[in-house]
N, C-alpha and C. Protein backbone atom coordinates (compact mmCIF):
# COMPACT_ATOMS: atom_id res chain seq x y z
N MET A 1 23.00 -106.26 37.51
CA MET A 1 22.36 -107.46 37.68
C MET A 1 22.65 -108.01 39.08
N THR A 2 21.64 -108.46 39.75
CA THR A 2 21.89 -109.05 41.08
C THR A 2 21.30 -110.40 41.11
N ASP A 3 21.81 -111.24 41.84
CA ASP A 3 21.37 -112.70 41.94
C ASP A 3 21.57 -113.07 43.40
N GLU A 4 20.68 -113.92 43.87
CA GLU A 4 20.78 -114.38 45.29
C GLU A 4 22.07 -115.10 45.57
N ASN A 5 22.72 -115.66 44.56
CA ASN A 5 23.99 -116.26 44.66
C ASN A 5 25.06 -115.31 45.02
N ASN A 6 24.85 -114.05 44.81
CA ASN A 6 25.85 -113.05 45.08
C ASN A 6 25.92 -112.57 46.52
N LYS A 7 25.06 -113.16 47.35
CA LYS A 7 24.96 -112.81 48.70
C LYS A 7 25.53 -113.89 49.59
N SER A 8 26.09 -113.53 50.73
CA SER A 8 26.49 -114.50 51.71
C SER A 8 26.25 -113.94 53.05
N SER A 9 25.74 -114.75 53.94
CA SER A 9 25.34 -114.24 55.20
C SER A 9 25.44 -115.27 56.39
N PRO A 10 26.65 -115.53 56.82
CA PRO A 10 26.80 -116.41 57.98
C PRO A 10 26.54 -115.78 59.22
N THR A 11 26.09 -116.55 60.20
CA THR A 11 25.96 -116.05 61.61
C THR A 11 27.32 -116.31 62.32
N ILE A 12 27.77 -115.37 63.10
CA ILE A 12 29.06 -115.48 63.69
C ILE A 12 28.74 -115.52 65.29
N LEU A 13 29.29 -116.56 65.92
CA LEU A 13 29.09 -116.72 67.28
C LEU A 13 30.35 -116.50 68.17
N GLY A 14 30.18 -116.34 69.40
CA GLY A 14 31.35 -116.32 70.29
C GLY A 14 32.05 -114.94 70.37
N LEU A 15 31.37 -113.89 70.05
CA LEU A 15 31.91 -112.55 70.09
C LEU A 15 31.43 -111.77 71.19
N LYS A 16 32.15 -110.71 71.59
CA LYS A 16 31.65 -109.87 72.67
C LYS A 16 30.51 -108.99 72.12
N LYS A 17 29.81 -108.41 73.00
CA LYS A 17 28.72 -107.40 72.59
C LYS A 17 29.38 -106.29 71.88
N LEU A 18 28.92 -105.98 70.72
CA LEU A 18 29.55 -104.89 69.95
C LEU A 18 28.84 -103.55 70.14
N SER A 19 29.66 -102.52 70.31
CA SER A 19 29.14 -101.18 70.52
C SER A 19 28.76 -100.60 69.13
N GLU A 20 28.21 -99.43 69.07
CA GLU A 20 27.87 -98.76 67.86
C GLU A 20 29.24 -98.42 67.11
N ASP A 21 30.25 -98.02 67.87
CA ASP A 21 31.58 -97.77 67.27
C ASP A 21 32.14 -99.04 66.68
N ASP A 22 32.03 -100.16 67.32
CA ASP A 22 32.58 -101.37 66.92
C ASP A 22 31.84 -101.76 65.58
N ILE A 23 30.58 -101.57 65.47
CA ILE A 23 29.79 -101.92 64.29
C ILE A 23 30.25 -101.01 63.07
N GLU A 24 30.47 -99.75 63.39
CA GLU A 24 30.93 -98.84 62.32
C GLU A 24 32.32 -99.30 61.82
N ILE A 25 33.21 -99.59 62.73
CA ILE A 25 34.54 -100.10 62.32
C ILE A 25 34.40 -101.42 61.55
N LEU A 26 33.53 -102.29 62.04
CA LEU A 26 33.36 -103.57 61.33
C LEU A 26 32.79 -103.40 59.91
N ILE A 27 31.87 -102.52 59.71
CA ILE A 27 31.34 -102.21 58.41
C ILE A 27 32.36 -101.84 57.46
N ASP A 28 33.28 -100.86 57.88
CA ASP A 28 34.31 -100.38 57.14
C ASP A 28 35.30 -101.55 56.76
N GLU A 29 35.64 -102.37 57.79
CA GLU A 29 36.59 -103.39 57.55
C GLU A 29 36.01 -104.50 56.60
N VAL A 30 34.72 -104.84 56.75
CA VAL A 30 34.09 -105.82 55.85
C VAL A 30 34.16 -105.25 54.46
N TYR A 31 33.82 -103.98 54.28
CA TYR A 31 33.89 -103.40 52.89
C TYR A 31 35.31 -103.50 52.37
N ASP A 32 36.27 -103.07 53.14
CA ASP A 32 37.66 -103.02 52.76
C ASP A 32 38.11 -104.47 52.39
N LEU A 33 37.77 -105.43 53.16
CA LEU A 33 38.25 -106.86 52.89
C LEU A 33 37.52 -107.30 51.54
N THR A 34 36.25 -107.03 51.39
CA THR A 34 35.51 -107.40 50.13
C THR A 34 36.16 -106.77 48.96
N HIS A 35 36.37 -105.45 49.05
CA HIS A 35 36.95 -104.68 47.93
C HIS A 35 38.38 -105.11 47.59
N ARG A 36 39.16 -105.46 48.61
CA ARG A 36 40.53 -105.92 48.41
C ARG A 36 40.51 -107.31 47.73
N ASN A 37 39.66 -108.16 48.12
CA ASN A 37 39.54 -109.48 47.54
C ASN A 37 38.97 -109.44 46.12
N LEU A 38 38.09 -108.55 45.88
CA LEU A 38 37.53 -108.32 44.51
C LEU A 38 38.65 -107.69 43.54
N THR A 39 39.44 -106.83 44.07
CA THR A 39 40.53 -106.22 43.32
C THR A 39 41.49 -107.32 42.83
N LYS A 40 41.70 -108.37 43.55
CA LYS A 40 42.58 -109.42 43.10
C LYS A 40 42.02 -110.19 41.89
N LYS A 41 40.77 -110.08 41.62
CA LYS A 41 40.12 -110.90 40.65
C LYS A 41 39.65 -110.05 39.43
N VAL A 42 39.55 -108.78 39.60
CA VAL A 42 38.95 -107.94 38.58
C VAL A 42 39.94 -106.82 38.18
N PRO A 43 40.13 -106.53 36.89
CA PRO A 43 41.01 -105.44 36.52
C PRO A 43 40.49 -104.10 37.10
N ASN A 44 41.37 -103.18 37.42
CA ASN A 44 41.05 -101.94 37.93
C ASN A 44 40.02 -101.15 37.14
N ASN A 45 40.08 -101.24 35.88
CA ASN A 45 39.13 -100.52 35.01
C ASN A 45 37.75 -101.14 35.05
N ARG A 46 37.54 -102.29 35.67
CA ARG A 46 36.26 -102.94 35.72
C ARG A 46 35.64 -102.92 37.19
N LEU A 47 36.45 -102.40 38.12
CA LEU A 47 36.00 -102.43 39.54
C LEU A 47 34.74 -101.62 39.68
N ASN A 48 34.56 -100.51 38.95
CA ASN A 48 33.40 -99.63 39.09
C ASN A 48 32.09 -100.36 38.60
N ASP A 49 32.27 -101.48 37.92
CA ASP A 49 31.06 -102.26 37.47
C ASP A 49 30.48 -103.09 38.58
N TYR A 50 31.20 -103.21 39.71
CA TYR A 50 30.73 -104.00 40.83
C TYR A 50 30.28 -103.08 41.99
N ASP A 51 29.27 -103.47 42.65
CA ASP A 51 28.76 -102.73 43.84
C ASP A 51 28.84 -103.64 44.94
N ILE A 52 29.28 -103.12 46.13
CA ILE A 52 29.36 -103.88 47.33
C ILE A 52 28.46 -103.30 48.41
N PHE A 53 27.56 -104.11 48.96
CA PHE A 53 26.60 -103.67 50.01
C PHE A 53 26.85 -104.51 51.24
N ILE A 54 26.96 -103.89 52.38
CA ILE A 54 27.15 -104.58 53.66
C ILE A 54 25.99 -104.24 54.55
N ASP A 55 25.51 -105.35 55.20
CA ASP A 55 24.43 -105.24 56.21
C ASP A 55 24.89 -105.98 57.42
N ILE A 56 24.89 -105.38 58.56
CA ILE A 56 25.20 -106.04 59.79
C ILE A 56 24.03 -105.97 60.70
N ASP A 57 23.57 -107.13 61.20
CA ASP A 57 22.40 -107.22 62.06
C ASP A 57 22.85 -107.72 63.43
N THR A 58 22.58 -106.97 64.45
CA THR A 58 22.92 -107.36 65.81
C THR A 58 21.66 -107.35 66.68
N THR A 59 20.46 -107.46 66.06
CA THR A 59 19.26 -107.42 66.80
C THR A 59 19.06 -108.69 67.71
N SER A 60 19.68 -109.77 67.36
CA SER A 60 19.60 -110.96 68.18
C SER A 60 20.92 -111.04 68.93
N ASP A 61 21.22 -112.16 69.69
CA ASP A 61 22.43 -112.28 70.36
C ASP A 61 23.61 -112.65 69.48
N ASP A 62 23.25 -112.98 68.24
CA ASP A 62 24.24 -113.43 67.20
C ASP A 62 24.58 -112.20 66.40
N LEU A 63 25.73 -112.32 65.73
CA LEU A 63 26.16 -111.26 64.72
C LEU A 63 25.90 -111.83 63.39
N ASN A 64 25.06 -111.16 62.56
CA ASN A 64 24.80 -111.63 61.22
C ASN A 64 25.27 -110.58 60.24
N ILE A 65 26.28 -111.01 59.38
CA ILE A 65 26.82 -110.09 58.39
C ILE A 65 26.46 -110.58 57.08
N GLU A 66 25.87 -109.65 56.24
CA GLU A 66 25.46 -109.93 54.92
C GLU A 66 26.27 -109.05 53.94
N ILE A 67 26.87 -109.71 52.97
CA ILE A 67 27.64 -109.07 51.90
C ILE A 67 26.93 -109.34 50.67
N ASP A 68 26.63 -108.35 49.87
CA ASP A 68 25.99 -108.46 48.54
C ASP A 68 26.84 -107.77 47.53
N ILE A 69 27.24 -108.53 46.53
CA ILE A 69 28.02 -107.93 45.43
C ILE A 69 27.22 -108.03 44.21
N SER A 70 26.91 -106.91 43.57
CA SER A 70 26.13 -106.91 42.33
C SER A 70 27.11 -106.37 41.22
N TYR A 71 26.77 -106.63 39.99
CA TYR A 71 27.49 -106.12 38.90
C TYR A 71 26.61 -105.56 37.80
N ASN A 72 27.23 -104.65 37.08
CA ASN A 72 26.52 -103.92 36.03
C ASN A 72 27.21 -104.16 34.67
N LEU A 73 27.23 -105.39 34.34
CA LEU A 73 27.94 -105.82 33.10
C LEU A 73 27.04 -106.57 32.19
N SER A 74 27.51 -106.72 30.99
CA SER A 74 26.68 -107.50 30.02
C SER A 74 26.46 -108.86 30.58
N THR A 75 25.36 -109.46 30.16
CA THR A 75 24.96 -110.74 30.59
C THR A 75 25.70 -111.85 29.85
N SER A 76 26.54 -111.53 28.89
CA SER A 76 27.21 -112.53 28.08
C SER A 76 28.24 -113.29 28.89
N LYS A 77 28.76 -112.77 30.04
CA LYS A 77 29.76 -113.45 30.84
C LYS A 77 29.20 -113.71 32.25
N ILE A 78 27.99 -114.07 32.40
CA ILE A 78 27.36 -114.24 33.68
C ILE A 78 28.11 -115.23 34.60
N GLU A 79 28.47 -116.39 34.01
CA GLU A 79 29.10 -117.40 34.75
C GLU A 79 30.45 -116.92 35.26
N LYS A 80 31.14 -116.15 34.50
CA LYS A 80 32.43 -115.69 34.92
C LYS A 80 32.29 -114.67 36.15
N HIS A 81 31.34 -113.79 35.99
CA HIS A 81 31.06 -112.81 37.09
C HIS A 81 30.63 -113.54 38.39
N GLU A 82 29.74 -114.50 38.19
CA GLU A 82 29.25 -115.28 39.36
C GLU A 82 30.38 -116.00 40.02
N LYS A 83 31.29 -116.52 39.30
CA LYS A 83 32.49 -117.26 39.85
C LYS A 83 33.37 -116.22 40.58
N ILE A 84 33.55 -115.09 40.02
CA ILE A 84 34.36 -114.05 40.70
C ILE A 84 33.70 -113.63 42.01
N ILE A 85 32.45 -113.42 42.03
CA ILE A 85 31.75 -113.02 43.21
C ILE A 85 31.77 -114.13 44.22
N LYS A 86 31.51 -115.36 43.85
CA LYS A 86 31.55 -116.41 44.83
C LYS A 86 32.90 -116.58 45.47
N GLU A 87 33.93 -116.50 44.74
CA GLU A 87 35.31 -116.65 45.17
C GLU A 87 35.63 -115.48 46.11
N THR A 88 35.16 -114.28 45.73
CA THR A 88 35.43 -113.05 46.56
C THR A 88 34.68 -113.19 47.92
N LEU A 89 33.51 -113.67 47.89
CA LEU A 89 32.76 -113.79 49.17
C LEU A 89 33.40 -114.88 50.03
N GLU A 90 33.81 -115.97 49.48
CA GLU A 90 34.43 -117.03 50.30
C GLU A 90 35.77 -116.51 50.91
N GLU A 91 36.55 -115.85 50.09
CA GLU A 91 37.82 -115.31 50.67
C GLU A 91 37.53 -114.24 51.70
N THR A 92 36.57 -113.37 51.45
CA THR A 92 36.24 -112.30 52.42
C THR A 92 35.81 -112.90 53.72
N PHE A 93 34.90 -113.89 53.69
CA PHE A 93 34.43 -114.49 55.01
C PHE A 93 35.59 -115.24 55.73
N ASN A 94 36.46 -115.82 54.96
CA ASN A 94 37.66 -116.44 55.65
C ASN A 94 38.48 -115.38 56.35
N ASP A 95 38.77 -114.30 55.70
CA ASP A 95 39.50 -113.20 56.27
C ASP A 95 38.78 -112.53 57.36
N LEU A 96 37.44 -112.40 57.23
CA LEU A 96 36.57 -111.77 58.28
C LEU A 96 36.61 -112.67 59.52
N ASP A 97 36.57 -113.97 59.43
CA ASP A 97 36.57 -114.86 60.55
C ASP A 97 37.86 -114.62 61.35
N THR A 98 38.94 -114.58 60.69
CA THR A 98 40.22 -114.25 61.41
C THR A 98 40.21 -112.92 62.00
N TYR A 99 39.75 -111.90 61.36
CA TYR A 99 39.66 -110.55 61.91
C TYR A 99 38.76 -110.51 63.17
N LEU A 100 37.60 -111.09 63.12
CA LEU A 100 36.66 -111.10 64.24
C LEU A 100 37.25 -111.83 65.48
N LYS A 101 37.92 -112.93 65.25
CA LYS A 101 38.53 -113.65 66.30
C LYS A 101 39.61 -112.82 66.99
N GLU A 102 40.38 -112.14 66.18
CA GLU A 102 41.45 -111.29 66.72
C GLU A 102 40.93 -110.06 67.43
N LYS A 103 39.98 -109.37 66.93
CA LYS A 103 39.51 -108.09 67.47
C LYS A 103 38.35 -108.15 68.39
N PHE A 104 37.37 -109.15 68.23
CA PHE A 104 36.08 -109.03 69.02
C PHE A 104 35.76 -110.35 69.71
N SER A 105 36.67 -111.33 69.88
CA SER A 105 36.22 -112.48 70.54
C SER A 105 36.22 -112.31 72.14
N ASN A 106 35.44 -113.16 72.69
CA ASN A 106 35.30 -113.06 74.22
C ASN A 106 36.62 -113.57 74.86
């Protein structure tokens, strides 16, 4: 099940121009941050029920990172899963902001 509420996509300003290698590293880091934050909220035996998709757009002068977390679980606990995903995305973007400032700021 996927819902638009499961996506988060801020535009991040004030960073250096990223190379292809930088973008590949960033994709891996965003995935790792998201997975690590999700692991804090979901039991290990349920992690495979969640899918994480990362999209990074650098076509404009801004960096746009989209994280989509979907889940393949029964609809009986939708609110619980939505809350987990929302909290995971918030935590991930907070961590990502710190990471980007440390590694890629001008």
